[in-house]
């Protein structure tokens, strides 16, 4: 008789403080990206990088 492998288990749900910390991290990262987009030199540099791909 062959034994079948155990069924896959789902990861443990996030606790309240973990969920809040994750949202805080996401908001901080989005804020930093937004700040970069307000810098004209950064936008020119990004456009140059994209243009160099072609």
C-alpha atoms as a PDB file:
ATOM      1  CA  UNK A   1       0.000   0.000   0.000  1.00  0.00           C
ATOM      2  CA  UNK A   2       1.424   3.352  -1.022  1.00  0.00           C
ATOM      3  CA  UNK A   3       1.111   6.387   1.175  1.00  0.00           C
ATOM      4  CA  UNK A   4      -0.033   9.561  -0.491  1.00  0.00           C
ATOM      5  CA  UNK A   5       1.781  12.793   0.389  1.00  0.00           C
ATOM      6  CA  UNK A   6       0.035  15.068   2.858  1.00  0.00           C
ATOM      7  CA  UNK A   7      -2.133  17.780   1.316  1.00  0.00           C
ATOM      8  CA  UNK A   8      -0.481  21.181   0.904  1.00  0.00           C
ATOM      9  CA  UNK A   9      -1.100  23.578   3.735  1.00  0.00           C
ATOM     10  CA  UNK A  10      -1.867  27.240   3.300  1.00  0.00           C
ATOM     11  CA  UNK A  11       0.367  29.832   4.968  1.00  0.00           C
ATOM     12  CA  UNK A  12      -0.700  31.143   8.342  1.00  0.00           C
ATOM     13  CA  UNK A  13      -2.881  34.258   8.133  1.00  0.00           C
ATOM     14  CA  UNK A  14      -1.264  37.569   8.958  1.00  0.00           C
ATOM     15  CA  UNK A  15      -1.807  39.006  12.394  1.00  0.00           C
ATOM     16  CA  UNK A  16      -3.223  42.504  12.799  1.00  0.00           C
ATOM     17  CA  UNK A  17       0.123  44.192  13.428  1.00  0.00           C
ATOM     18  CA  UNK A  18       1.728  42.308  10.519  1.00  0.00           C
ATOM     19  CA  UNK A  19      -1.013  43.451   8.177  1.00  0.00           C
ATOM     20  CA  UNK A  20      -0.624  47.043   9.407  1.00  0.00           C
ATOM     21  CA  UNK A  21       3.170  46.868   9.000  1.00  0.00           C
ATOM     22  CA  UNK A  22       2.774  45.522   5.471  1.00  0.00           C
ATOM     23  CA  UNK A  23       0.386  48.336   4.522  1.00  0.00           C
ATOM     24  CA  UNK A  24       2.733  50.894   6.073  1.00  0.00           C
ATOM     25  CA  UNK A  25       5.636  49.506   4.038  1.00  0.00           C
ATOM     26  CA  UNK A  26       3.571  49.643   0.843  1.00  0.00           C
ATOM     27  CA  UNK A  27       2.521  53.241   1.522  1.00  0.00           C
ATOM     28  CA  UNK A  28       6.100  54.323   2.295  1.00  0.00           C
ATOM     29  CA  UNK A  29       7.367  52.728  -0.918  1.00  0.00           C
ATOM     30  CA  UNK A  30       4.612  54.375  -2.958  1.00  0.00           C
ATOM     31  CA  UNK A  31       5.430  57.717  -1.343  1.00  0.00           C
ATOM     32  CA  UNK A  32       9.107  57.344  -2.220  1.00  0.00           C
ATOM     33  CA  UNK A  33       8.273  56.484  -5.820  1.00  0.00           C
ATOM     34  CA  UNK A  34       5.966  59.502  -5.999  1.00  0.00           C
ATOM     35  CA  UNK A  35       8.750  61.732  -4.662  1.00  0.00           C
ATOM     36  CA  UNK A  36      11.112  60.438  -7.360  1.00  0.00           C
ATOM     37  CA  UNK A  37       8.599  61.289 -10.069  1.00  0.00           C
ATOM     38  CA  UNK A  38       8.515  64.919  -8.900  1.00  0.00           C
ATOM     39  CA  UNK A  39      12.249  65.244  -9.679  1.00  0.00           C
ATOM     40  CA  UNK A  40      12.716  66.388 -13.303  1.00  0.00           C
ATOM     41  CA  UNK A  41      16.289  65.030 -13.502  1.00  0.00           C
ATOM     42  CA  UNK A  42      15.063  61.588 -12.467  1.00  0.00           C
ATOM     43  CA  UNK A  43      12.350  61.642 -15.097  1.00  0.00           C
ATOM     44  CA  UNK A  44      14.881  62.569 -17.814  1.00  0.00           C
ATOM     45  CA  UNK A  45      17.210  59.799 -16.627  1.00  0.00           C
ATOM     46  CA  UNK A  46      14.392  57.239 -16.694  1.00  0.00           C
ATOM     47  CA  UNK A  47      13.373  58.364 -20.190  1.00  0.00           C
ATOM     48  CA  UNK A  48      16.993  57.989 -21.336  1.00  0.00           C
ATOM     49  CA  UNK A  49      17.133  54.455 -19.891  1.00  0.00           C
ATOM     50  CA  UNK A  50      13.900  53.471 -21.623  1.00  0.00           C
ATOM     51  CA  UNK A  51      15.049  55.020 -24.891  1.00  0.00           C
ATOM     52  CA  UNK A  52      18.379  53.151 -24.668  1.00  0.00           C
ATOM     53  CA  UNK A  53      16.480  49.841 -24.684  1.00  0.00           C
ATOM     54  CA  UNK A  54      15.413  50.382 -28.312  1.00  0.00           C
END
